Amino acid sequence: MARKCAVSGKGPMAGNNVSHAQNKTKRRFLPNLRTVRVTLEDGTTKKIKVCAKELRTMRKNS
């Protein structure tokens, strides 16, 4: 499964490592994913990967 948030769709971003000498090499910024159990409307539970920011928002709104 991809490194992608099931709620917001947030995925990896690209950027550069920059050394003190300003040498630039490519790197990836991965989302802070957490596996959580979510109860669906029919009473079953399902595991989904959610980024920490969306998990915080979900707990705030519930």
C-alpha atoms as a PDB file:
ATOM      1  CA  MET A   1       0.000   0.000   0.000  1.00  0.00           C
ATOM      2  CA  ALA A   2       1.228   3.482  -0.820  1.00  0.00           C
ATOM      3  CA  ARG A   3       2.419   5.963   1.784  1.00  0.00           C
ATOM      4  CA  LYS A   4      -0.735   8.027   1.483  1.00  0.00           C
ATOM      5  CA  CYS A   5      -3.285   9.294   4.000  1.00  0.00           C
ATOM      6  CA  ALA A   6      -6.704   7.664   3.557  1.00  0.00           C
ATOM      7  CA  VAL A   7      -8.546  10.825   4.651  1.00  0.00           C
ATOM      8  CA  SER A   8      -6.690  13.768   3.135  1.00  0.00           C
ATOM      9  CA  GLY A   9      -4.732  12.022   0.379  1.00  0.00           C
ATOM     10  CA  LYS A  10      -1.482  13.545   1.594  1.00  0.00           C
ATOM     11  CA  GLY A  11       1.522  11.683   0.156  1.00  0.00           C
ATOM     12  CA  PRO A  12       5.301  12.021  -0.105  1.00  0.00           C
ATOM     13  CA  MET A  13       6.770  15.357  -1.188  1.00  0.00           C
ATOM     14  CA  ALA A  14      10.162  15.957  -2.799  1.00  0.00           C
ATOM     15  CA  GLY A  15      12.853  18.372  -1.729  1.00  0.00           C
ATOM     16  CA  ASN A  16      16.571  18.784  -1.198  1.00  0.00           C
ATOM     17  CA  ASN A  17      19.045  17.987   1.530  1.00  0.00           C
ATOM     18  CA  VAL A  18      21.199  21.110   1.756  1.00  0.00           C
ATOM     19  CA  SER A  19      24.609  20.839   3.389  1.00  0.00           C
ATOM     20  CA  HIS A  20      26.571  23.689   4.950  1.00  0.00           C
ATOM     21  CA  ALA A  21      28.496  23.936   1.663  1.00  0.00           C
ATOM     22  CA  GLN A  22      25.145  24.326  -0.168  1.00  0.00           C
ATOM     23  CA  ASN A  23      25.452  20.918  -1.883  1.00  0.00           C
ATOM     24  CA  LYS A  24      21.960  19.795  -2.811  1.00  0.00           C
ATOM     25  CA  THR A  25      20.816  16.169  -3.058  1.00  0.00           C
ATOM     26  CA  LYS A  26      17.261  14.965  -3.563  1.00  0.00           C
ATOM     27  CA  ARG A  27      15.246  13.630  -0.626  1.00  0.00           C
ATOM     28  CA  ARG A  28      11.643  12.739   0.200  1.00  0.00           C
ATOM     29  CA  PHE A  29       9.445  14.141   2.935  1.00  0.00           C
ATOM     30  CA  LEU A  30       7.123  11.318   4.030  1.00  0.00           C
ATOM     31  CA  PRO A  31       3.807  11.986   5.796  1.00  0.00           C
ATOM     32  CA  ASN A  32       3.531  11.071   9.478  1.00  0.00           C
ATOM     33  CA  LEU A  33       1.199   8.079   9.028  1.00  0.00           C
ATOM     34  CA  ARG A  34      -0.493   6.197  11.851  1.00  0.00           C
ATOM     35  CA  THR A  35      -2.559   3.022  11.545  1.00  0.00           C
ATOM     36  CA  VAL A  36      -5.887   3.485  13.334  1.00  0.00           C
ATOM     37  CA  ARG A  37      -9.041   1.413  13.680  1.00  0.00           C
ATOM     38  CA  VAL A  38     -12.175   3.177  12.496  1.00  0.00           C
ATOM     39  CA  THR A  39     -15.705   1.956  13.250  1.00  0.00           C
ATOM     40  CA  LEU A  40     -17.914   2.093  10.169  1.00  0.00           C
ATOM     41  CA  GLU A  41     -21.664   2.784  10.074  1.00  0.00           C
ATOM     42  CA  ASP A  42     -22.543  -0.922   9.930  1.00  0.00           C
ATOM     43  CA  GLY A  43     -20.607  -1.621  13.146  1.00  0.00           C
ATOM     44  CA  THR A  44     -17.531  -3.228  11.581  1.00  0.00           C
ATOM     45  CA  THR A  45     -14.030  -1.930  12.197  1.00  0.00           C
ATOM     46  CA  LYS A  46     -11.395  -1.280   9.559  1.00  0.00           C
ATOM     47  CA  LYS A  47      -7.740  -0.330   9.793  1.00  0.00           C
ATOM     48  CA  ILE A  48      -6.749   2.743   7.778  1.00  0.00           C
ATOM     49  CA  LYS A  49      -3.574   4.802   7.522  1.00  0.00           C
ATOM     50  CA  VAL A  50      -4.133   8.401   8.602  1.00  0.00           C
ATOM     51  CA  CYS A  51      -1.588  11.208   8.902  1.00  0.00           C
ATOM     52  CA  ALA A  52      -1.158  12.636  12.399  1.00  0.00           C
ATOM     53  CA  LYS A  53      -2.614  16.021  11.464  1.00  0.00           C
ATOM     54  CA  GLU A  54      -5.870  14.486  10.214  1.00  0.00           C
ATOM     55  CA  LEU A  55      -6.011  12.170  13.234  1.00  0.00           C
ATOM     56  CA  ARG A  56      -5.844  15.242  15.471  1.00  0.00           C
ATOM     57  CA  THR A  57      -8.647  16.881  13.482  1.00  0.00           C
ATOM     58  CA  MET A  58     -10.782  13.721  13.639  1.00  0.00           C
ATOM     59  CA  ARG A  59     -10.408  13.517  17.433  1.00  0.00           C
ATOM     60  CA  LYS A  60     -11.222  17.213  17.767  1.00  0.00           C
ATOM     61  CA  ASN A  61     -14.449  16.924  15.743  1.00  0.00           C
ATOM     62  CA  SER A  62     -15.746  13.688  17.302  1.00  0.00           C
END
